[in-house]
């Protein structure tokens, strides 16, 4: 079945409403390593990758990146929910099933990119429960490698305080170029740039911790520079 990537007026209005609600209630503080990227990324499909600390990550990060119209990968169990899932489906989202050999997400992601949209992926594949950042899965990097897309690393620090309390801190890093050599398999190259993306996200997270204090999610993780 062909996937319809272009939202109608009602859906676009809902997406704008969600963005406004996020900025009003959660008040994310967004910083860029290179502010010139704010303009240069517009209209250019890329793959955004971010650490995953909370169920709010998807809606908040996609709202922060709304000018780039990213499609985000969403766990199928959430996508299919009768209540929450109906709102997720209205927004730009693509379901992925981690319990099966699901490849539909990849085909739909390729279609999104070919239609001029970016992708937002949380390569950990789930929320860290054991105090350490989960190893990045290579799916995001494979998409970038095969389509020649830049990877934009993002780090998110905080606990999503509503209206009051410390604001969520989001740091957007510099592009990781993806140019797979002709004599190298894309799958092998994807593992290399996935490892680099994970390293860069950790560096960004360390910068946030050094500036705003230690986060509570990765309490067993040592992001000190000598370990990166």
C-alpha atoms as a PDB file:
ATOM      1  CA  UNK A   1       0.000   0.000   0.000  1.00  0.00           C
ATOM      2  CA  UNK A   2       1.367   3.405  -0.977  1.00  0.00           C
ATOM      3  CA  UNK A   3       2.172   5.672   1.959  1.00  0.00           C
ATOM      4  CA  UNK A   4       0.805   9.228   1.801  1.00  0.00           C
ATOM      5  CA  UNK A   5       3.514  11.562   3.111  1.00  0.00           C
ATOM      6  CA  UNK A   6       1.754  14.871   2.535  1.00  0.00           C
ATOM      7  CA  UNK A   7      -0.550  15.973   5.354  1.00  0.00           C
ATOM      8  CA  UNK A   8      -3.866  17.735   4.757  1.00  0.00           C
ATOM      9  CA  UNK A   9      -4.751  21.153   6.195  1.00  0.00           C
ATOM     10  CA  UNK A  10      -6.357  19.695   9.315  1.00  0.00           C
ATOM     11  CA  UNK A  11      -3.378  17.488  10.074  1.00  0.00           C
ATOM     12  CA  UNK A  12      -0.942  20.353   9.535  1.00  0.00           C
ATOM     13  CA  UNK A  13      -2.995  22.531  11.897  1.00  0.00           C
ATOM     14  CA  UNK A  14      -2.831  19.789  14.534  1.00  0.00           C
ATOM     15  CA  UNK A  15       0.957  19.505  14.132  1.00  0.00           C
ATOM     16  CA  UNK A  16       1.287  23.285  14.630  1.00  0.00           C
ATOM     17  CA  UNK A  17      -0.969  23.070  17.693  1.00  0.00           C
ATOM     18  CA  UNK A  18       1.213  20.338  19.209  1.00  0.00           C
ATOM     19  CA  UNK A  19       4.336  22.406  18.535  1.00  0.00           C
ATOM     20  CA  UNK A  20       2.811  25.398  20.316  1.00  0.00           C
ATOM     21  CA  UNK A  21       1.732  23.245  23.249  1.00  0.00           C
ATOM     22  CA  UNK A  22       5.225  21.751  23.589  1.00  0.00           C
ATOM     23  CA  UNK A  23       6.893  25.160  23.646  1.00  0.00           C
ATOM     24  CA  UNK A  24       4.323  26.528  26.091  1.00  0.00           C
ATOM     25  CA  UNK A  25       4.301  23.643  28.585  1.00  0.00           C
ATOM     26  CA  UNK A  26       7.736  22.039  28.329  1.00  0.00           C
ATOM     27  CA  UNK A  27       9.705  25.135  27.274  1.00  0.00           C
ATOM     28  CA  UNK A  28      12.654  23.312  25.652  1.00  0.00           C
ATOM     29  CA  UNK A  29      15.908  25.267  25.598  1.00  0.00           C
ATOM     30  CA  UNK A  30      17.501  24.600  22.213  1.00  0.00           C
ATOM     31  CA  UNK A  31      21.152  25.280  21.417  1.00  0.00           C
ATOM     32  CA  UNK A  32      23.146  24.755  18.214  1.00  0.00           C
ATOM     33  CA  UNK A  33      26.850  24.036  17.824  1.00  0.00           C
ATOM     34  CA  UNK A  34      26.634  25.943  14.540  1.00  0.00           C
ATOM     35  CA  UNK A  35      23.746  28.398  14.313  1.00  0.00           C
ATOM     36  CA  UNK A  36      24.152  28.710  10.536  1.00  0.00           C
ATOM     37  CA  UNK A  37      22.704  25.190  10.246  1.00  0.00           C
ATOM     38  CA  UNK A  38      19.302  26.523  11.308  1.00  0.00           C
ATOM     39  CA  UNK A  39      18.906  28.005   7.831  1.00  0.00           C
ATOM     40  CA  UNK A  40      21.068  25.708   5.714  1.00  0.00           C
ATOM     41  CA  UNK A  41      19.219  22.543   6.786  1.00  0.00           C
ATOM     42  CA  UNK A  42      15.839  23.841   5.677  1.00  0.00           C
ATOM     43  CA  UNK A  43      14.647  22.025   2.568  1.00  0.00           C
ATOM     44  CA  UNK A  44      17.529  19.532   2.771  1.00  0.00           C
ATOM     45  CA  UNK A  45      16.647  15.964   3.843  1.00  0.00           C
ATOM     46  CA  UNK A  46      18.886  14.698   6.654  1.00  0.00           C
ATOM     47  CA  UNK A  47      18.748  12.052   9.364  1.00  0.00           C
ATOM     48  CA  UNK A  48      18.474  13.484  12.876  1.00  0.00           C
ATOM     49  CA  UNK A  49      19.573  11.074  15.622  1.00  0.00           C
ATOM     50  CA  UNK A  50      18.966  11.685  19.326  1.00  0.00           C
ATOM     51  CA  UNK A  51      19.359   9.866  22.617  1.00  0.00           C
ATOM     52  CA  UNK A  52      16.151   8.463  24.110  1.00  0.00           C
ATOM     53  CA  UNK A  53      15.291   9.209  27.748  1.00  0.00           C
ATOM     54  CA  UNK A  54      11.513   9.623  27.910  1.00  0.00           C
ATOM     55  CA  UNK A  55       8.252   8.884  26.072  1.00  0.00           C
ATOM     56  CA  UNK A  56       7.979  12.644  25.430  1.00  0.00           C
ATOM     57  CA  UNK A  57      11.155  12.629  23.305  1.00  0.00           C
ATOM     58  CA  UNK A  58       9.393  12.042  20.007  1.00  0.00           C
ATOM     59  CA  UNK A  59       6.833  14.815  20.264  1.00  0.00           C
ATOM     60  CA  UNK A  60       9.271  17.316  21.804  1.00  0.00           C
ATOM     61  CA  UNK A  61      12.232  16.771  19.482  1.00  0.00           C
ATOM     62  CA  UNK A  62      10.023  16.655  16.377  1.00  0.00           C
ATOM     63  CA  UNK A  63       8.380  19.921  17.509  1.00  0.00           C
ATOM     64  CA  UNK A  64      11.789  21.538  17.999  1.00  0.00           C
ATOM     65  CA  UNK A  65      12.742  20.418  14.484  1.00  0.00           C
ATOM     66  CA  UNK A  66       9.365  21.228  12.925  1.00  0.00           C
ATOM     67  CA  UNK A  67      10.760  23.633  10.312  1.00  0.00           C
ATOM     68  CA  UNK A  68      12.612  20.646   8.786  1.00  0.00           C
ATOM     69  CA  UNK A  69       9.437  18.520   8.661  1.00  0.00           C
ATOM     70  CA  UNK A  70      10.963  15.307  10.025  1.00  0.00           C
ATOM     71  CA  UNK A  71       9.212  11.973   9.981  1.00  0.00           C
ATOM     72  CA  UNK A  72       9.976  10.117  13.198  1.00  0.00           C
ATOM     73  CA  UNK A  73      10.224   6.391  13.758  1.00  0.00           C
ATOM     74  CA  UNK A  74       7.730   5.211  16.377  1.00  0.00           C
ATOM     75  CA  UNK A  75       7.555   1.821  18.049  1.00  0.00           C
ATOM     76  CA  UNK A  76       4.645  -0.052  16.461  1.00  0.00           C
ATOM     77  CA  UNK A  77       3.052  -0.866  19.827  1.00  0.00           C
ATOM     78  CA  UNK A  78       2.626   2.892  20.417  1.00  0.00           C
ATOM     79  CA  UNK A  79       1.614   3.617  16.830  1.00  0.00           C
ATOM     80  CA  UNK A  80      -1.205   1.045  17.016  1.00  0.00           C
ATOM     81  CA  UNK A  81      -2.684   2.216  20.333  1.00  0.00           C
ATOM     82  CA  UNK A  82      -6.333   3.238  20.000  1.00  0.00           C
ATOM     83  CA  UNK A  83      -5.945   6.468  21.982  1.00  0.00           C
ATOM     84  CA  UNK A  84      -2.390   7.800  21.874  1.00  0.00           C
ATOM     85  CA  UNK A  85      -1.740   6.112  18.553  1.00  0.00           C
ATOM     86  CA  UNK A  86      -4.455   8.089  16.785  1.00  0.00           C
ATOM     87  CA  UNK A  87      -2.610  11.322  17.612  1.00  0.00           C
ATOM     88  CA  UNK A  88       0.752   9.809  16.649  1.00  0.00           C
ATOM     89  CA  UNK A  89      -0.627   8.775  13.267  1.00  0.00           C
ATOM     90  CA  UNK A  90      -1.831  12.318  12.553  1.00  0.00           C
ATOM     91  CA  UNK A  91       1.722  13.592  13.027  1.00  0.00           C
ATOM     92  CA  UNK A  92       4.606  12.707  10.723  1.00  0.00           C
ATOM     93  CA  UNK A  93       5.455   9.224  11.949  1.00  0.00           C
ATOM     94  CA  UNK A  94       6.462   5.818  10.631  1.00  0.00           C
ATOM     95  CA  UNK A  95       5.929   2.632  12.690  1.00  0.00           C
ATOM     96  CA  UNK A  96       8.731   0.151  13.296  1.00  0.00           C
ATOM     97  CA  UNK A  97       8.253  -3.331  14.776  1.00  0.00           C
ATOM     98  CA  UNK A  98      11.274  -4.397  16.830  1.00  0.00           C
ATOM     99  CA  UNK A  99       9.783  -7.833  17.515  1.00  0.00           C
ATOM    100  CA  UNK A 100       9.877  -8.991  13.884  1.00  0.00           C
ATOM    101  CA  UNK A 101      12.141  -8.664  10.852  1.00  0.00           C
ATOM    102  CA  UNK A 102      10.298  -5.487   9.904  1.00  0.00           C
ATOM    103  CA  UNK A 103      11.603  -3.754   6.771  1.00  0.00           C
ATOM    104  CA  UNK A 104       8.529  -1.641   6.000  1.00  0.00           C
ATOM    105  CA  UNK A 105       9.897   1.204   8.105  1.00  0.00           C
ATOM    106  CA  UNK A 106      12.974   1.402   5.878  1.00  0.00           C
ATOM    107  CA  UNK A 107      10.983   1.552   2.642  1.00  0.00           C
ATOM    108  CA  UNK A 108       8.680   4.207   4.113  1.00  0.00           C
ATOM    109  CA  UNK A 109      11.679   6.188   5.394  1.00  0.00           C
ATOM    110  CA  UNK A 110      13.243   6.116   1.936  1.00  0.00           C
ATOM    111  CA  UNK A 111       9.955   7.385   0.553  1.00  0.00           C
ATOM    112  CA  UNK A 112       9.872  10.221   3.082  1.00  0.00           C
ATOM    113  CA  UNK A 113      13.378  11.306   2.094  1.00  0.00           C
ATOM    114  CA  UNK A 114      12.558  11.064  -1.610  1.00  0.00           C
ATOM    115  CA  UNK A 115       9.554  13.319  -0.968  1.00  0.00           C
ATOM    116  CA  UNK A 116      11.820  15.954   0.587  1.00  0.00           C
ATOM    117  CA  UNK A 117      11.324  15.141   4.278  1.00  0.00           C
ATOM    118  CA  UNK A 118      13.981  14.512   6.916  1.00  0.00           C
ATOM    119  CA  UNK A 119      13.977  11.619   9.385  1.00  0.00           C
ATOM    120  CA  UNK A 120      14.130  11.689  13.185  1.00  0.00           C
ATOM    121  CA  UNK A 121      15.372   8.432  14.683  1.00  0.00           C
ATOM    122  CA  UNK A 122      16.253   7.387  18.233  1.00  0.00           C
ATOM    123  CA  UNK A 123      18.931   4.750  17.490  1.00  0.00           C
ATOM    124  CA  UNK A 124      18.938   3.325  21.024  1.00  0.00           C
ATOM    125  CA  UNK A 125      15.666   1.679  20.020  1.00  0.00           C
ATOM    126  CA  UNK A 126      14.177   2.235  23.462  1.00  0.00           C
ATOM    127  CA  UNK A 127      14.496   4.165  26.708  1.00  0.00           C
ATOM    128  CA  UNK A 128      17.580   3.421  28.797  1.00  0.00           C
ATOM    129  CA  UNK A 129      16.475   1.630  31.977  1.00  0.00           C
ATOM    130  CA  UNK A 130      19.824   0.485  33.377  1.00  0.00           C
ATOM    131  CA  UNK A 131      21.568   3.833  33.745  1.00  0.00           C
ATOM    132  CA  UNK A 132      23.612   3.629  30.548  1.00  0.00           C
ATOM    133  CA  UNK A 133      23.017   4.814  27.004  1.00  0.00           C
ATOM    134  CA  UNK A 134      22.004   1.857  24.854  1.00  0.00           C
ATOM    135  CA  UNK A 135      24.221   0.976  21.870  1.00  0.00           C
ATOM    136  CA  UNK A 136      22.999   2.636  18.693  1.00  0.00           C
ATOM    137  CA  UNK A 137      21.285   0.370  16.182  1.00  0.00           C
ATOM    138  CA  UNK A 138      22.631   0.936  12.639  1.00  0.00           C
ATOM    139  CA  UNK A 139      19.278   1.483  10.878  1.00  0.00           C
ATOM    140  CA  UNK A 140      19.520   5.289  10.871  1.00  0.00           C
ATOM    141  CA  UNK A 141      23.085   5.150   9.588  1.00  0.00           C
ATOM    142  CA  UNK A 142      22.162   2.611   6.899  1.00  0.00           C
ATOM    143  CA  UNK A 143      19.462   4.943   5.588  1.00  0.00           C
ATOM    144  CA  UNK A 144      21.957   7.820   5.577  1.00  0.00           C
ATOM    145  CA  UNK A 145      24.633   5.712   3.858  1.00  0.00           C
ATOM    146  CA  UNK A 146      22.358   4.440   1.095  1.00  0.00           C
ATOM    147  CA  UNK A 147      20.766   7.830   0.392  1.00  0.00           C
ATOM    148  CA  UNK A 148      23.907   9.937   0.930  1.00  0.00           C
ATOM    149  CA  UNK A 149      22.321  11.954   3.743  1.00  0.00           C
ATOM    150  CA  UNK A 150      24.054  13.905   6.484  1.00  0.00           C
ATOM    151  CA  UNK A 151      23.468  12.671  10.023  1.00  0.00           C
ATOM    152  CA  UNK A 152      22.724  15.424  12.554  1.00  0.00           C
ATOM    153  CA  UNK A 153      23.459  14.325  16.157  1.00  0.00           C
ATOM    154  CA  UNK A 154      21.287  15.675  18.973  1.00  0.00           C
ATOM    155  CA  UNK A 155      21.544  15.335  22.746  1.00  0.00           C
ATOM    156  CA  UNK A 156      18.623  15.848  25.122  1.00  0.00           C
ATOM    157  CA  UNK A 157      19.069  16.373  28.872  1.00  0.00           C
ATOM    158  CA  UNK A 158      16.376  16.825  31.503  1.00  0.00           C
ATOM    159  CA  UNK A 159      13.193  15.408  33.003  1.00  0.00           C
ATOM    160  CA  UNK A 160      10.445  17.256  31.090  1.00  0.00           C
ATOM    161  CA  UNK A 161       9.107  19.531  33.803  1.00  0.00           C
ATOM    162  CA  UNK A 162       5.694  20.937  32.873  1.00  0.00           C
ATOM    163  CA  UNK A 163       5.404  24.760  33.205  1.00  0.00           C
ATOM    164  CA  UNK A 164       7.682  24.930  36.248  1.00  0.00           C
ATOM    165  CA  UNK A 165      11.116  23.564  37.081  1.00  0.00           C
ATOM    166  CA  UNK A 166      14.231  23.161  34.987  1.00  0.00           C
ATOM    167  CA  UNK A 167      13.755  23.335  31.236  1.00  0.00           C
ATOM    168  CA  UNK A 168      14.636  20.470  28.910  1.00  0.00           C
ATOM    169  CA  UNK A 169      18.037  21.132  27.333  1.00  0.00           C
ATOM    170  CA  UNK A 170      18.597  20.162  23.686  1.00  0.00           C
ATOM    171  CA  UNK A 171      21.922  20.553  21.880  1.00  0.00           C
ATOM    172  CA  UNK A 172      22.073  20.073  18.109  1.00  0.00           C
ATOM    173  CA  UNK A 173      25.485  19.136  16.747  1.00  0.00           C
ATOM    174  CA  UNK A 174      27.365  19.431  13.488  1.00  0.00           C
ATOM    175  CA  UNK A 175      26.612  17.222  10.461  1.00  0.00           C
ATOM    176  CA  UNK A 176      28.277  13.857  10.031  1.00  0.00           C
ATOM    177  CA  UNK A 177      28.857  13.407   6.313  1.00  0.00           C
ATOM    178  CA  UNK A 178      27.721  10.150   4.763  1.00  0.00           C
ATOM    179  CA  UNK A 179      29.533   9.173   1.577  1.00  0.00           C
ATOM    180  CA  UNK A 180      29.853   5.417   1.254  1.00  0.00           C
ATOM    181  CA  UNK A 181      32.916   4.464  -0.862  1.00  0.00           C
ATOM    182  CA  UNK A 182      32.083   2.389  -3.922  1.00  0.00           C
ATOM    183  CA  UNK A 183      34.332  -0.470  -2.781  1.00  0.00           C
ATOM    184  CA  UNK A 184      32.733  -0.717   0.686  1.00  0.00           C
ATOM    185  CA  UNK A 185      29.440  -2.412   1.550  1.00  0.00           C
ATOM    186  CA  UNK A 186      26.815   0.052   2.780  1.00  0.00           C
ATOM    187  CA  UNK A 187      26.090  -2.176   5.786  1.00  0.00           C
ATOM    188  CA  UNK A 188      29.736  -2.059   6.881  1.00  0.00           C
ATOM    189  CA  UNK A 189      29.998   1.675   6.295  1.00  0.00           C
ATOM    190  CA  UNK A 190      26.738   2.208   8.185  1.00  0.00           C
ATOM    191  CA  UNK A 191      28.201   0.550  11.291  1.00  0.00           C
ATOM    192  CA  UNK A 192      31.143   2.944  11.150  1.00  0.00           C
ATOM    193  CA  UNK A 193      29.070   6.109  10.897  1.00  0.00           C
ATOM    194  CA  UNK A 194      26.584   4.753  13.454  1.00  0.00           C
ATOM    195  CA  UNK A 195      29.466   4.417  15.923  1.00  0.00           C
ATOM    196  CA  UNK A 196      30.549   7.965  15.079  1.00  0.00           C
ATOM    197  CA  UNK A 197      26.994   9.253  15.565  1.00  0.00           C
ATOM    198  CA  UNK A 198      26.801   7.560  18.970  1.00  0.00           C
ATOM    199  CA  UNK A 199      30.134   9.113  19.935  1.00  0.00           C
ATOM    200  CA  UNK A 200      29.004  12.580  18.862  1.00  0.00           C
ATOM    201  CA  UNK A 201      25.686  12.321  20.744  1.00  0.00           C
ATOM    202  CA  UNK A 202      27.616  11.340  23.881  1.00  0.00           C
ATOM    203  CA  UNK A 203      29.941  14.316  23.431  1.00  0.00           C
ATOM    204  CA  UNK A 204      26.977  16.650  23.086  1.00  0.00           C
ATOM    205  CA  UNK A 205      25.369  15.123  26.168  1.00  0.00           C
ATOM    206  CA  UNK A 206      28.625  15.641  28.086  1.00  0.00           C
ATOM    207  CA  UNK A 207      28.622  19.302  27.053  1.00  0.00           C
ATOM    208  CA  UNK A 208      25.111  19.685  28.429  1.00  0.00           C
ATOM    209  CA  UNK A 209      26.063  17.957  31.685  1.00  0.00           C
ATOM    210  CA  UNK A 210      29.115  20.168  32.116  1.00  0.00           C
ATOM    211  CA  UNK A 211      26.977  23.255  31.580  1.00  0.00           C
ATOM    212  CA  UNK A 212      23.760  22.301  33.395  1.00  0.00           C
ATOM    213  CA  UNK A 213      24.633  19.455  35.753  1.00  0.00           C
ATOM    214  CA  UNK A 214      24.486  15.665  35.747  1.00  0.00           C
ATOM    215  CA  UNK A 215      21.407  14.049  34.250  1.00  0.00           C
ATOM    216  CA  UNK A 216      19.475  11.305  36.042  1.00  0.00           C
ATOM    217  CA  UNK A 217      18.834   8.859  33.195  1.00  0.00           C
ATOM    218  CA  UNK A 218      22.406   7.776  32.454  1.00  0.00           C
ATOM    219  CA  UNK A 219      23.468   7.637  36.093  1.00  0.00           C
ATOM    220  CA  UNK A 220      25.936   4.767  35.481  1.00  0.00           C
ATOM    221  CA  UNK A 221      27.461   6.355  32.391  1.00  0.00           C
ATOM    222  CA  UNK A 222      30.773   8.202  32.387  1.00  0.00           C
ATOM    223  CA  UNK A 223      30.693  10.672  29.513  1.00  0.00           C
ATOM    224  CA  UNK A 224      34.044  12.220  30.441  1.00  0.00           C
ATOM    225  CA  UNK A 225      36.071  13.241  27.395  1.00  0.00           C
ATOM    226  CA  UNK A 226      38.817  10.664  27.980  1.00  0.00           C
ATOM    227  CA  UNK A 227      36.233   7.911  27.491  1.00  0.00           C
ATOM    228  CA  UNK A 228      34.957   9.203  24.141  1.00  0.00           C
END
